[in-house]
Amino acid sequence: MINYLFTNPLLFILYMISLMVAITIHEFSHAWMADYLGDPTPRLSGRLKLNPLVHLDTFGLLFLFLFGFGWGKPVPFDPYNLKNPRRDAALISFAGPVSNFILAVILSLIVKLVNIPLLAGFFIPVIYLNIILGVFNLIPINPLDGFKIVGGILNEEQAKEWYQLERYGMIFLLLLIIPFGGSSMLDIIIRPIITFVMGWLTGSPLG
């Protein structure tokens, strides 16, 4: 994505705006779900708002620019405020990717119904980055949402073993993201999914 800064600055700005929209919706949804489930921590931390500045993460942005995959600033929540901590943590985590997919579907419907090229030119990158953010965060590796989602699905004994892997999350993630021979394992695994979903929603893979 960062190559657009030098080859097509206008497209780079459009991607920047799309990125802020995708991350803001994603992190706000985490905060909203936690608040809905009875934990006021995100609200008290100033995260229950649609302000991109409170949701952007420096390393997440850097990874997205360099590798095409990234994340926002994690939304804090207190499991002791939740009725069922493990299950509710999974629901809070699931809310982020789901919100990205919902926004992508809504915008793709608008593009198809309105059929205005200029509108499509703005919405397509937003749809694309929401799909990327949604799919990427479903990967079951800490600190991504998929890790807690899996933890909420497993039974208590299995979950204890699963959470032992939490400390190795960044190592696993780096091994997936770092390219070997021109492409990364992560790209090989999820790029076809992103291309398929993008093509299904818009008719254009854009990837």
N, C-alpha and C. Protein backbone atom coordinates (compact mmCIF):
# COMPACT_ATOMS: atom_id res chain seq x y z
N MET A 1 0.82 -1.20 0.00
CA MET A 1 0.00 0.00 0.00
C MET A 1 0.86 1.26 0.00
N ILE A 2 1.98 1.21 0.68
CA ILE A 2 2.80 2.41 0.80
C ILE A 2 3.39 2.84 -0.55
N ASN A 3 3.48 1.89 -1.51
CA ASN A 3 4.01 2.24 -2.83
C ASN A 3 3.11 3.24 -3.54
N TYR A 4 1.81 3.29 -3.18
CA TYR A 4 0.89 4.25 -3.78
C TYR A 4 1.26 5.68 -3.43
N LEU A 5 1.97 5.86 -2.31
CA LEU A 5 2.37 7.20 -1.89
C LEU A 5 3.23 7.87 -2.96
N PHE A 6 4.02 7.07 -3.70
CA PHE A 6 4.93 7.60 -4.70
C PHE A 6 4.38 7.47 -6.12
N THR A 7 3.54 6.45 -6.35
CA THR A 7 3.03 6.23 -7.70
C THR A 7 1.67 6.86 -7.94
N ASN A 8 0.84 6.91 -6.89
CA ASN A 8 -0.51 7.47 -7.04
C ASN A 8 -0.94 8.09 -5.71
N PRO A 9 -0.49 9.30 -5.40
CA PRO A 9 -0.78 9.93 -4.10
C PRO A 9 -2.26 10.05 -3.79
N LEU A 10 -3.08 10.29 -4.82
CA LEU A 10 -4.53 10.42 -4.61
C LEU A 10 -5.12 9.10 -4.11
N LEU A 11 -4.68 8.01 -4.72
CA LEU A 11 -5.15 6.69 -4.29
C LEU A 11 -4.64 6.38 -2.88
N PHE A 12 -3.43 6.82 -2.58
CA PHE A 12 -2.88 6.62 -1.24
C PHE A 12 -3.74 7.33 -0.20
N ILE A 13 -4.15 8.57 -0.49
CA ILE A 13 -5.02 9.33 0.44
C ILE A 13 -6.35 8.62 0.60
N LEU A 14 -6.88 8.09 -0.51
CA LEU A 14 -8.15 7.37 -0.46
C LEU A 14 -8.03 6.13 0.41
N TYR A 15 -6.92 5.42 0.29
CA TYR A 15 -6.70 4.24 1.11
C TYR A 15 -6.52 4.62 2.59
N MET A 16 -5.89 5.74 2.84
CA MET A 16 -5.73 6.21 4.21
C MET A 16 -7.09 6.47 4.86
N ILE A 17 -7.96 7.13 4.12
CA ILE A 17 -9.31 7.41 4.63
C ILE A 17 -10.06 6.10 4.85
N SER A 18 -9.95 5.19 3.88
CA SER A 18 -10.63 3.90 3.98
C SER A 18 -10.12 3.11 5.17
N LEU A 19 -8.82 3.19 5.39
CA LEU A 19 -8.20 2.49 6.51
C LEU A 19 -8.73 3.01 7.85
N MET A 20 -8.82 4.32 7.97
CA MET A 20 -9.32 4.91 9.21
C MET A 20 -10.77 4.53 9.47
N VAL A 21 -11.56 4.45 8.39
CA VAL A 21 -12.96 4.04 8.52
C VAL A 21 -13.04 2.60 9.01
N ALA A 22 -12.28 1.71 8.37
CA ALA A 22 -12.32 0.28 8.70
C ALA A 22 -11.88 0.03 10.14
N ILE A 23 -10.77 0.63 10.55
CA ILE A 23 -10.26 0.42 11.90
C ILE A 23 -11.20 1.02 12.94
N THR A 24 -11.73 2.21 12.64
CA THR A 24 -12.64 2.86 13.59
C THR A 24 -13.89 2.03 13.83
N ILE A 25 -14.50 1.55 12.77
CA ILE A 25 -15.70 0.71 12.89
C ILE A 25 -15.38 -0.56 13.66
N HIS A 26 -14.24 -1.16 13.36
CA HIS A 26 -13.82 -2.40 14.01
C HIS A 26 -13.66 -2.23 15.51
N GLU A 27 -12.88 -1.23 15.91
CA GLU A 27 -12.59 -1.03 17.33
C GLU A 27 -13.80 -0.49 18.10
N PHE A 28 -14.57 0.37 17.45
CA PHE A 28 -15.79 0.87 18.08
C PHE A 28 -16.74 -0.28 18.38
N SER A 29 -16.81 -1.25 17.48
CA SER A 29 -17.70 -2.40 17.68
C SER A 29 -17.27 -3.25 18.86
N HIS A 30 -15.95 -3.40 19.04
CA HIS A 30 -15.45 -4.07 20.25
C HIS A 30 -15.94 -3.34 21.50
N ALA A 31 -15.76 -2.01 21.49
CA ALA A 31 -16.13 -1.20 22.65
C ALA A 31 -17.63 -1.26 22.91
N TRP A 32 -18.42 -1.18 21.84
CA TRP A 32 -19.88 -1.20 21.99
C TRP A 32 -20.35 -2.53 22.58
N MET A 33 -19.78 -3.64 22.08
CA MET A 33 -20.19 -4.95 22.56
C MET A 33 -19.82 -5.13 24.03
N ALA A 34 -18.62 -4.69 24.42
CA ALA A 34 -18.21 -4.79 25.82
C ALA A 34 -19.15 -3.99 26.71
N ASP A 35 -19.49 -2.80 26.26
CA ASP A 35 -20.41 -1.95 27.03
C ASP A 35 -21.79 -2.60 27.12
N TYR A 36 -22.24 -3.17 26.01
CA TYR A 36 -23.54 -3.85 25.97
C TYR A 36 -23.58 -5.04 26.91
N LEU A 37 -22.45 -5.72 27.05
CA LEU A 37 -22.38 -6.91 27.92
C LEU A 37 -22.12 -6.57 29.39
N GLY A 38 -22.07 -5.27 29.69
CA GLY A 38 -22.00 -4.86 31.08
C GLY A 38 -20.67 -4.33 31.58
N ASP A 39 -19.70 -4.19 30.68
CA ASP A 39 -18.40 -3.68 31.10
C ASP A 39 -18.23 -2.23 30.64
N PRO A 40 -18.16 -1.27 31.58
CA PRO A 40 -18.03 0.14 31.20
C PRO A 40 -16.60 0.58 30.87
N THR A 41 -15.64 -0.34 30.94
CA THR A 41 -14.24 0.01 30.76
C THR A 41 -13.96 0.75 29.45
N PRO A 42 -14.44 0.25 28.30
CA PRO A 42 -14.18 0.98 27.05
C PRO A 42 -14.76 2.38 27.05
N ARG A 43 -15.97 2.52 27.60
CA ARG A 43 -16.61 3.85 27.66
C ARG A 43 -15.80 4.79 28.54
N LEU A 44 -15.36 4.29 29.69
CA LEU A 44 -14.57 5.11 30.61
C LEU A 44 -13.18 5.42 30.05
N SER A 45 -12.72 4.59 29.12
CA SER A 45 -11.41 4.80 28.50
C SER A 45 -11.50 5.68 27.26
N GLY A 46 -12.71 6.15 26.96
CA GLY A 46 -12.89 7.02 25.81
C GLY A 46 -12.91 6.31 24.47
N ARG A 47 -13.19 4.99 24.48
CA ARG A 47 -13.16 4.22 23.23
C ARG A 47 -14.54 4.02 22.63
N LEU A 48 -15.59 4.42 23.32
CA LEU A 48 -16.94 4.23 22.79
C LEU A 48 -17.33 5.45 21.96
N LYS A 49 -16.53 5.70 20.93
CA LYS A 49 -16.78 6.85 20.06
C LYS A 49 -16.22 6.57 18.66
N LEU A 50 -16.81 7.20 17.66
CA LEU A 50 -16.38 7.01 16.28
C LEU A 50 -15.33 8.06 15.90
N ASN A 51 -14.27 8.10 16.68
CA ASN A 51 -13.16 9.02 16.44
C ASN A 51 -11.93 8.20 16.08
N PRO A 52 -11.46 8.27 14.83
CA PRO A 52 -10.32 7.44 14.41
C PRO A 52 -9.08 7.62 15.28
N LEU A 53 -8.88 8.80 15.81
CA LEU A 53 -7.65 9.08 16.56
C LEU A 53 -7.53 8.24 17.82
N VAL A 54 -8.65 7.82 18.41
CA VAL A 54 -8.58 7.04 19.65
C VAL A 54 -8.44 5.55 19.38
N HIS A 55 -8.55 5.15 18.10
CA HIS A 55 -8.53 3.73 17.76
C HIS A 55 -7.30 3.29 16.96
N LEU A 56 -6.50 4.23 16.46
CA LEU A 56 -5.37 3.85 15.62
C LEU A 56 -4.19 3.38 16.45
N ASP A 57 -3.52 2.34 15.97
CA ASP A 57 -2.35 1.77 16.64
C ASP A 57 -1.13 1.93 15.72
N THR A 58 -0.04 2.45 16.24
CA THR A 58 1.14 2.74 15.43
C THR A 58 1.68 1.51 14.72
N PHE A 59 1.87 0.42 15.47
CA PHE A 59 2.41 -0.79 14.87
C PHE A 59 1.42 -1.43 13.91
N GLY A 60 0.14 -1.36 14.25
CA GLY A 60 -0.89 -1.90 13.37
C GLY A 60 -0.90 -1.20 12.03
N LEU A 61 -0.77 0.13 12.05
CA LEU A 61 -0.71 0.90 10.81
C LEU A 61 0.55 0.58 10.02
N LEU A 62 1.67 0.47 10.73
CA LEU A 62 2.94 0.17 10.07
C LEU A 62 2.89 -1.18 9.36
N PHE A 63 2.34 -2.17 10.04
CA PHE A 63 2.22 -3.50 9.44
C PHE A 63 1.31 -3.46 8.21
N LEU A 64 0.24 -2.67 8.29
CA LEU A 64 -0.69 -2.61 7.17
C LEU A 64 -0.04 -1.96 5.96
N PHE A 65 0.73 -0.89 6.19
CA PHE A 65 1.41 -0.22 5.10
C PHE A 65 2.47 -1.11 4.46
N LEU A 66 3.22 -1.84 5.30
CA LEU A 66 4.34 -2.63 4.80
C LEU A 66 3.92 -4.00 4.26
N PHE A 67 2.96 -4.64 4.95
CA PHE A 67 2.61 -6.01 4.60
C PHE A 67 1.18 -6.19 4.09
N GLY A 68 0.36 -5.14 4.21
CA GLY A 68 -1.02 -5.24 3.75
C GLY A 68 -1.98 -5.77 4.78
N PHE A 69 -1.51 -6.04 6.01
CA PHE A 69 -2.35 -6.54 7.09
C PHE A 69 -2.02 -5.78 8.37
N GLY A 70 -3.03 -5.39 9.11
CA GLY A 70 -2.76 -4.62 10.33
C GLY A 70 -3.91 -4.68 11.31
N TRP A 71 -3.87 -3.82 12.32
CA TRP A 71 -4.87 -3.84 13.36
C TRP A 71 -4.95 -2.46 14.02
N GLY A 72 -5.99 -2.25 14.83
CA GLY A 72 -6.14 -1.01 15.58
C GLY A 72 -5.68 -1.19 17.01
N LYS A 73 -5.80 -0.11 17.78
CA LYS A 73 -5.41 -0.16 19.19
C LYS A 73 -6.40 -1.06 19.94
N PRO A 74 -5.91 -2.06 20.66
CA PRO A 74 -6.82 -2.97 21.38
C PRO A 74 -7.75 -2.22 22.34
N VAL A 75 -9.00 -2.63 22.35
CA VAL A 75 -9.99 -2.03 23.26
C VAL A 75 -9.89 -2.72 24.62
N PRO A 76 -9.64 -1.98 25.69
CA PRO A 76 -9.53 -2.60 27.02
C PRO A 76 -10.91 -3.01 27.55
N PHE A 77 -10.96 -4.15 28.19
CA PHE A 77 -12.19 -4.55 28.89
C PHE A 77 -11.81 -5.38 30.10
N ASP A 78 -12.67 -5.35 31.09
CA ASP A 78 -12.42 -6.04 32.36
C ASP A 78 -13.30 -7.28 32.42
N PRO A 79 -12.71 -8.48 32.33
CA PRO A 79 -13.52 -9.71 32.34
C PRO A 79 -14.33 -9.89 33.62
N TYR A 80 -13.90 -9.23 34.71
CA TYR A 80 -14.63 -9.36 35.97
C TYR A 80 -15.97 -8.63 35.93
N ASN A 81 -16.16 -7.79 34.94
CA ASN A 81 -17.46 -7.11 34.78
C ASN A 81 -18.41 -7.89 33.88
N LEU A 82 -17.97 -9.01 33.35
CA LEU A 82 -18.77 -9.80 32.42
C LEU A 82 -19.39 -11.00 33.14
N LYS A 83 -20.61 -11.34 32.75
CA LYS A 83 -21.30 -12.46 33.38
C LYS A 83 -20.61 -13.78 33.08
N ASN A 84 -20.20 -13.96 31.84
CA ASN A 84 -19.49 -15.16 31.41
C ASN A 84 -18.22 -14.71 30.71
N PRO A 85 -17.12 -14.50 31.46
CA PRO A 85 -15.92 -13.86 30.93
C PRO A 85 -15.38 -14.46 29.63
N ARG A 86 -15.26 -15.77 29.57
CA ARG A 86 -14.66 -16.38 28.37
C ARG A 86 -15.58 -16.26 27.16
N ARG A 87 -16.87 -16.56 27.37
CA ARG A 87 -17.83 -16.45 26.26
C ARG A 87 -17.99 -15.00 25.82
N ASP A 88 -18.12 -14.08 26.77
CA ASP A 88 -18.33 -12.68 26.44
C ASP A 88 -17.10 -12.06 25.80
N ALA A 89 -15.90 -12.51 26.22
CA ALA A 89 -14.68 -12.03 25.57
C ALA A 89 -14.66 -12.44 24.10
N ALA A 90 -15.16 -13.64 23.82
CA ALA A 90 -15.25 -14.12 22.44
C ALA A 90 -16.24 -13.26 21.65
N LEU A 91 -17.37 -12.91 22.27
CA LEU A 91 -18.37 -12.07 21.59
C LEU A 91 -17.82 -10.67 21.32
N ILE A 92 -17.08 -10.13 22.29
CA ILE A 92 -16.46 -8.81 22.11
C ILE A 92 -15.47 -8.86 20.95
N SER A 93 -14.68 -9.92 20.90
CA SER A 93 -13.71 -10.08 19.83
C SER A 93 -14.38 -10.27 18.47
N PHE A 94 -15.46 -11.05 18.45
CA PHE A 94 -16.17 -11.36 17.21
C PHE A 94 -16.84 -10.12 16.63
N ALA A 95 -17.23 -9.19 17.49
CA ALA A 95 -17.94 -7.99 17.05
C ALA A 95 -17.13 -7.17 16.06
N GLY A 96 -15.80 -7.14 16.23
CA GLY A 96 -14.95 -6.34 15.34
C GLY A 96 -14.99 -6.81 13.90
N PRO A 97 -14.58 -8.06 13.61
CA PRO A 97 -14.63 -8.56 12.24
C PRO A 97 -16.03 -8.53 11.64
N VAL A 98 -17.04 -8.88 12.44
CA VAL A 98 -18.42 -8.88 11.93
C VAL A 98 -18.82 -7.48 11.45
N SER A 99 -18.44 -6.46 12.21
CA SER A 99 -18.78 -5.09 11.82
C SER A 99 -18.13 -4.72 10.49
N ASN A 100 -16.91 -5.19 10.26
CA ASN A 100 -16.24 -4.92 8.99
C ASN A 100 -16.96 -5.59 7.82
N PHE A 101 -17.39 -6.83 8.03
CA PHE A 101 -18.10 -7.54 6.96
C PHE A 101 -19.46 -6.89 6.69
N ILE A 102 -20.15 -6.47 7.75
CA ILE A 102 -21.46 -5.82 7.57
C ILE A 102 -21.31 -4.53 6.79
N LEU A 103 -20.30 -3.72 7.14
CA LEU A 103 -20.08 -2.47 6.42
C LEU A 103 -19.72 -2.74 4.97
N ALA A 104 -18.90 -3.77 4.71
CA ALA A 104 -18.52 -4.11 3.35
C ALA A 104 -19.75 -4.51 2.53
N VAL A 105 -20.65 -5.28 3.12
CA VAL A 105 -21.87 -5.72 2.43
C VAL A 105 -22.77 -4.52 2.13
N ILE A 106 -22.97 -3.64 3.11
CA ILE A 106 -23.82 -2.47 2.93
C ILE A 106 -23.29 -1.57 1.81
N LEU A 107 -21.99 -1.30 1.84
CA LEU A 107 -21.41 -0.43 0.82
C LEU A 107 -21.43 -1.07 -0.56
N SER A 108 -21.24 -2.39 -0.62
CA SER A 108 -21.29 -3.07 -1.93
C SER A 108 -22.71 -3.02 -2.50
N LEU A 109 -23.72 -3.11 -1.65
CA LEU A 109 -25.11 -3.00 -2.11
C LEU A 109 -25.38 -1.59 -2.64
N ILE A 110 -24.86 -0.59 -1.94
CA ILE A 110 -25.04 0.79 -2.40
C ILE A 110 -24.38 0.99 -3.76
N VAL A 111 -23.17 0.45 -3.93
CA VAL A 111 -22.46 0.57 -5.21
C VAL A 111 -23.27 -0.05 -6.34
N LYS A 112 -23.85 -1.23 -6.08
CA LYS A 112 -24.61 -1.92 -7.13
C LYS A 112 -25.93 -1.22 -7.42
N LEU A 113 -26.59 -0.70 -6.38
CA LEU A 113 -27.91 -0.08 -6.57
C LEU A 113 -27.81 1.32 -7.17
N VAL A 114 -26.84 2.10 -6.72
CA VAL A 114 -26.71 3.48 -7.19
C VAL A 114 -26.01 3.54 -8.55
N ASN A 115 -24.98 2.70 -8.71
CA ASN A 115 -24.26 2.58 -9.99
C ASN A 115 -23.69 3.92 -10.48
N ILE A 116 -23.01 4.62 -9.59
CA ILE A 116 -22.33 5.86 -9.93
C ILE A 116 -20.83 5.60 -9.85
N PRO A 117 -20.10 5.70 -10.97
CA PRO A 117 -18.67 5.37 -10.98
C PRO A 117 -17.85 6.11 -9.92
N LEU A 118 -18.14 7.40 -9.72
CA LEU A 118 -17.38 8.18 -8.74
C LEU A 118 -17.59 7.64 -7.32
N LEU A 119 -18.85 7.27 -7.02
CA LEU A 119 -19.16 6.71 -5.71
C LEU A 119 -18.50 5.36 -5.53
N ALA A 120 -18.53 4.56 -6.59
CA ALA A 120 -17.89 3.25 -6.54
C ALA A 120 -16.38 3.40 -6.34
N GLY A 121 -15.78 4.41 -6.98
CA GLY A 121 -14.35 4.64 -6.85
C GLY A 121 -13.94 4.96 -5.42
N PHE A 122 -14.86 5.57 -4.66
CA PHE A 122 -14.56 5.87 -3.26
C PHE A 122 -14.87 4.69 -2.35
N PHE A 123 -15.99 3.99 -2.63
CA PHE A 123 -16.42 2.92 -1.75
C PHE A 123 -15.61 1.63 -1.90
N ILE A 124 -15.12 1.33 -3.10
CA ILE A 124 -14.41 0.07 -3.34
C ILE A 124 -13.21 -0.10 -2.41
N PRO A 125 -12.34 0.92 -2.25
CA PRO A 125 -11.23 0.76 -1.29
C PRO A 125 -11.71 0.56 0.14
N VAL A 126 -12.82 1.21 0.53
CA VAL A 126 -13.36 1.03 1.88
C VAL A 126 -13.82 -0.41 2.06
N ILE A 127 -14.50 -0.93 1.05
CA ILE A 127 -14.97 -2.32 1.09
C ILE A 127 -13.77 -3.26 1.19
N TYR A 128 -12.77 -3.01 0.36
CA TYR A 128 -11.58 -3.85 0.31
C TYR A 128 -10.86 -3.91 1.66
N LEU A 129 -10.64 -2.77 2.27
CA LEU A 129 -9.91 -2.74 3.54
C LEU A 129 -10.74 -3.31 4.69
N ASN A 130 -12.06 -3.18 4.62
CA ASN A 130 -12.90 -3.80 5.64
C ASN A 130 -12.84 -5.33 5.53
N ILE A 131 -12.79 -5.84 4.32
CA ILE A 131 -12.66 -7.29 4.13
C ILE A 131 -11.30 -7.77 4.65
N ILE A 132 -10.25 -7.03 4.31
CA ILE A 132 -8.91 -7.39 4.79
C ILE A 132 -8.88 -7.43 6.31
N LEU A 133 -9.37 -6.35 6.93
CA LEU A 133 -9.33 -6.25 8.39
C LEU A 133 -10.17 -7.36 9.03
N GLY A 134 -11.34 -7.64 8.46
CA GLY A 134 -12.21 -8.67 9.01
C GLY A 134 -11.60 -10.06 8.92
N VAL A 135 -11.10 -10.41 7.74
CA VAL A 135 -10.52 -11.74 7.52
C VAL A 135 -9.25 -11.91 8.35
N PHE A 136 -8.38 -10.91 8.31
CA PHE A 136 -7.10 -10.99 9.03
C PHE A 136 -7.32 -11.19 10.52
N ASN A 137 -8.26 -10.46 11.11
CA ASN A 137 -8.46 -10.54 12.55
C ASN A 137 -9.15 -11.81 13.00
N LEU A 138 -9.66 -12.60 12.07
CA LEU A 138 -10.26 -13.88 12.44
C LEU A 138 -9.20 -14.99 12.58
N ILE A 139 -7.97 -14.68 12.21
CA ILE A 139 -6.90 -15.67 12.38
C ILE A 139 -6.71 -15.95 13.87
N PRO A 140 -6.70 -17.21 14.27
CA PRO A 140 -6.63 -17.55 15.71
C PRO A 140 -5.24 -17.47 16.31
N ILE A 141 -4.64 -16.28 16.24
CA ILE A 141 -3.32 -16.04 16.81
C ILE A 141 -3.41 -14.78 17.65
N ASN A 142 -2.96 -14.83 18.89
CA ASN A 142 -2.93 -13.65 19.74
C ASN A 142 -1.94 -12.62 19.14
N PRO A 143 -2.27 -11.32 19.04
CA PRO A 143 -3.37 -10.62 19.69
C PRO A 143 -4.60 -10.43 18.82
N LEU A 144 -4.75 -11.21 17.76
CA LEU A 144 -5.89 -11.04 16.86
C LEU A 144 -7.16 -11.59 17.48
N ASP A 145 -8.30 -11.12 16.97
CA ASP A 145 -9.59 -11.47 17.55
C ASP A 145 -9.86 -12.96 17.52
N GLY A 146 -9.38 -13.62 16.48
CA GLY A 146 -9.65 -15.05 16.33
C GLY A 146 -9.16 -15.88 17.50
N PHE A 147 -8.12 -15.41 18.17
CA PHE A 147 -7.57 -16.16 19.30
C PHE A 147 -8.60 -16.27 20.43
N LYS A 148 -9.22 -15.14 20.81
CA LYS A 148 -10.22 -15.16 21.88
C LYS A 148 -11.53 -15.80 21.43
N ILE A 149 -11.82 -15.70 20.14
CA ILE A 149 -13.03 -16.35 19.62
C ILE A 149 -12.92 -17.86 19.80
N VAL A 150 -11.77 -18.42 19.45
CA VAL A 150 -11.54 -19.86 19.63
C VAL A 150 -11.59 -20.21 21.11
N GLY A 151 -10.98 -19.36 21.96
CA GLY A 151 -11.01 -19.60 23.40
C GLY A 151 -12.41 -19.65 23.97
N GLY A 152 -13.32 -18.90 23.36
CA GLY A 152 -14.70 -18.90 23.83
C GLY A 152 -15.50 -20.10 23.36
N ILE A 153 -15.05 -20.72 22.28
CA ILE A 153 -15.75 -21.89 21.73
C ILE A 153 -15.33 -23.18 22.45
N LEU A 154 -14.07 -23.26 22.84
CA LEU A 154 -13.56 -24.48 23.48
C LEU A 154 -14.15 -24.67 24.88
N ASN A 155 -14.13 -25.91 25.35
CA ASN A 155 -14.56 -26.15 26.72
C ASN A 155 -13.47 -25.65 27.68
N GLU A 156 -13.77 -25.64 28.96
CA GLU A 156 -12.88 -25.01 29.94
C GLU A 156 -11.48 -25.64 29.96
N GLU A 157 -11.42 -26.96 29.90
CA GLU A 157 -10.13 -27.64 29.93
C GLU A 157 -9.31 -27.32 28.69
N GLN A 158 -9.96 -27.37 27.53
CA GLN A 158 -9.27 -27.07 26.28
C GLN A 158 -8.84 -25.61 26.23
N ALA A 159 -9.70 -24.72 26.76
CA ALA A 159 -9.40 -23.29 26.75
C ALA A 159 -8.15 -22.98 27.57
N LYS A 160 -7.96 -23.66 28.69
CA LYS A 160 -6.77 -23.45 29.51
C LYS A 160 -5.51 -23.77 28.72
N GLU A 161 -5.55 -24.87 27.99
CA GLU A 161 -4.40 -25.24 27.16
C GLU A 161 -4.21 -24.25 26.02
N TRP A 162 -5.32 -23.82 25.44
CA TRP A 162 -5.27 -22.88 24.32
C TRP A 162 -4.61 -21.56 24.73
N TYR A 163 -4.98 -21.05 25.90
CA TYR A 163 -4.45 -19.76 26.34
C TYR A 163 -2.98 -19.83 26.73
N GLN A 164 -2.42 -21.04 26.82
CA GLN A 164 -0.99 -21.17 27.05
C GLN A 164 -0.19 -20.68 25.84
N LEU A 165 -0.86 -20.63 24.68
CA LEU A 165 -0.20 -20.19 23.45
C LEU A 165 -0.18 -18.67 23.31
N GLU A 166 -0.87 -17.99 24.22
CA GLU A 166 -1.02 -16.54 24.12
C GLU A 166 0.33 -15.82 24.06
N ARG A 167 1.27 -16.27 24.85
CA ARG A 167 2.58 -15.60 24.94
C ARG A 167 3.39 -15.71 23.66
N TYR A 168 3.06 -16.70 22.82
CA TYR A 168 3.83 -16.90 21.59
C TYR A 168 3.17 -16.24 20.37
N GLY A 169 2.10 -15.50 20.61
CA GLY A 169 1.31 -14.96 19.51
C GLY A 169 2.11 -14.12 18.52
N MET A 170 2.88 -13.17 19.02
CA MET A 170 3.62 -12.29 18.13
C MET A 170 4.67 -13.04 17.32
N ILE A 171 5.24 -14.09 17.92
CA ILE A 171 6.22 -14.90 17.19
C ILE A 171 5.54 -15.60 16.02
N PHE A 172 4.38 -16.24 16.29
CA PHE A 172 3.64 -16.91 15.23
C PHE A 172 3.23 -15.92 14.15
N LEU A 173 2.79 -14.73 14.58
CA LEU A 173 2.31 -13.73 13.64
C LEU A 173 3.44 -13.24 12.73
N LEU A 174 4.60 -13.00 13.31
CA LEU A 174 5.74 -12.55 12.52
C LEU A 174 6.18 -13.62 11.53
N LEU A 175 6.14 -14.88 11.95
CA LEU A 175 6.52 -15.97 11.05
C LEU A 175 5.56 -16.05 9.87
N LEU A 176 4.30 -15.72 10.11
CA LEU A 176 3.31 -15.74 9.03
C LEU A 176 3.45 -14.54 8.10
N ILE A 177 3.79 -13.39 8.66
CA ILE A 177 3.80 -12.15 7.89
C ILE A 177 5.10 -11.94 7.11
N ILE A 178 6.24 -12.31 7.71
CA ILE A 178 7.52 -12.09 7.03
C ILE A 178 7.58 -12.88 5.73
N PRO A 179 7.85 -12.20 4.61
CA PRO A 179 7.87 -12.89 3.32
C PRO A 179 9.09 -13.78 3.13
N PHE A 180 8.85 -14.94 2.57
CA PHE A 180 9.93 -15.86 2.20
C PHE A 180 9.75 -16.21 0.73
N GLY A 181 10.75 -15.90 -0.07
CA GLY A 181 10.64 -16.21 -1.49
C GLY A 181 9.64 -15.33 -2.22
N GLY A 182 9.44 -14.11 -1.74
CA GLY A 182 8.57 -13.17 -2.45
C GLY A 182 7.18 -13.03 -1.88
N SER A 183 6.71 -13.99 -1.10
CA SER A 183 5.38 -13.89 -0.50
C SER A 183 5.38 -14.55 0.87
N SER A 184 4.48 -14.10 1.73
CA SER A 184 4.41 -14.64 3.08
C SER A 184 3.40 -15.78 3.15
N MET A 185 3.51 -16.59 4.20
CA MET A 185 2.54 -17.66 4.41
C MET A 185 1.15 -17.07 4.62
N LEU A 186 1.10 -15.94 5.31
CA LEU A 186 -0.19 -15.29 5.56
C LEU A 186 -0.86 -14.89 4.26
N ASP A 187 -0.08 -14.32 3.34
CA ASP A 187 -0.61 -13.91 2.05
C ASP A 187 -1.14 -15.11 1.27
N ILE A 188 -0.40 -16.20 1.32
CA ILE A 188 -0.80 -17.41 0.61
C ILE A 188 -2.09 -17.98 1.18
N ILE A 189 -2.25 -17.88 2.51
CA ILE A 189 -3.42 -18.46 3.17
C ILE A 189 -4.68 -17.63 2.98
N ILE A 190 -4.57 -16.31 3.24
CA ILE A 190 -5.81 -15.52 3.27
C ILE A 190 -6.07 -14.67 2.03
N ARG A 191 -5.07 -14.47 1.18
CA ARG A 191 -5.30 -13.67 -0.03
C ARG A 191 -6.41 -14.26 -0.90
N PRO A 192 -6.44 -15.59 -1.12
CA PRO A 192 -7.54 -16.15 -1.92
C PRO A 192 -8.91 -15.89 -1.30
N ILE A 193 -8.98 -15.90 0.04
CA ILE A 193 -10.26 -15.64 0.71
C ILE A 193 -10.68 -14.20 0.47
N ILE A 194 -9.74 -13.27 0.64
CA ILE A 194 -10.04 -11.86 0.43
C ILE A 194 -10.47 -11.60 -1.02
N THR A 195 -9.75 -12.21 -1.96
CA THR A 195 -10.07 -12.04 -3.38
C THR A 195 -11.45 -12.59 -3.70
N PHE A 196 -11.77 -13.76 -3.12
CA PHE A 196 -13.08 -14.37 -3.36
C PHE A 196 -14.21 -13.49 -2.82
N VAL A 197 -14.07 -13.04 -1.57
CA VAL A 197 -15.12 -12.22 -0.95
C VAL A 197 -15.27 -10.90 -1.69
N MET A 198 -14.15 -10.28 -2.04
CA MET A 198 -14.19 -9.01 -2.77
C MET A 198 -14.87 -9.19 -4.12
N GLY A 199 -14.52 -10.26 -4.82
CA GLY A 199 -15.14 -10.53 -6.11
C GLY A 199 -16.62 -10.82 -5.99
N TRP A 200 -17.00 -11.53 -4.94
CA TRP A 200 -18.41 -11.87 -4.72
C TRP A 200 -19.24 -10.62 -4.41
N LEU A 201 -18.65 -9.70 -3.65
CA LEU A 201 -19.40 -8.49 -3.26
C LEU A 201 -19.43 -7.44 -4.35
N THR A 202 -18.32 -7.28 -5.07
CA THR A 202 -18.22 -6.16 -6.00
C THR A 202 -17.98 -6.57 -7.45
N GLY A 203 -17.57 -7.81 -7.67
CA GLY A 203 -17.23 -8.22 -9.03
C GLY A 203 -15.81 -7.86 -9.39
N SER A 204 -15.07 -7.26 -8.44
CA SER A 204 -13.69 -6.84 -8.68
C SER A 204 -12.82 -7.33 -7.54
N PRO A 205 -11.79 -8.19 -7.82
CA PRO A 205 -10.95 -8.71 -6.74
C PRO A 205 -10.08 -7.64 -6.08
N LEU A 206 -9.60 -6.66 -6.85
CA LEU A 206 -8.79 -5.54 -6.36
C LEU A 206 -7.56 -6.00 -5.60
N GLY A 207 -7.25 -7.25 -5.61
CA GLY A 207 -6.11 -7.71 -4.84
C GLY A 207 -5.00 -8.27 -5.69
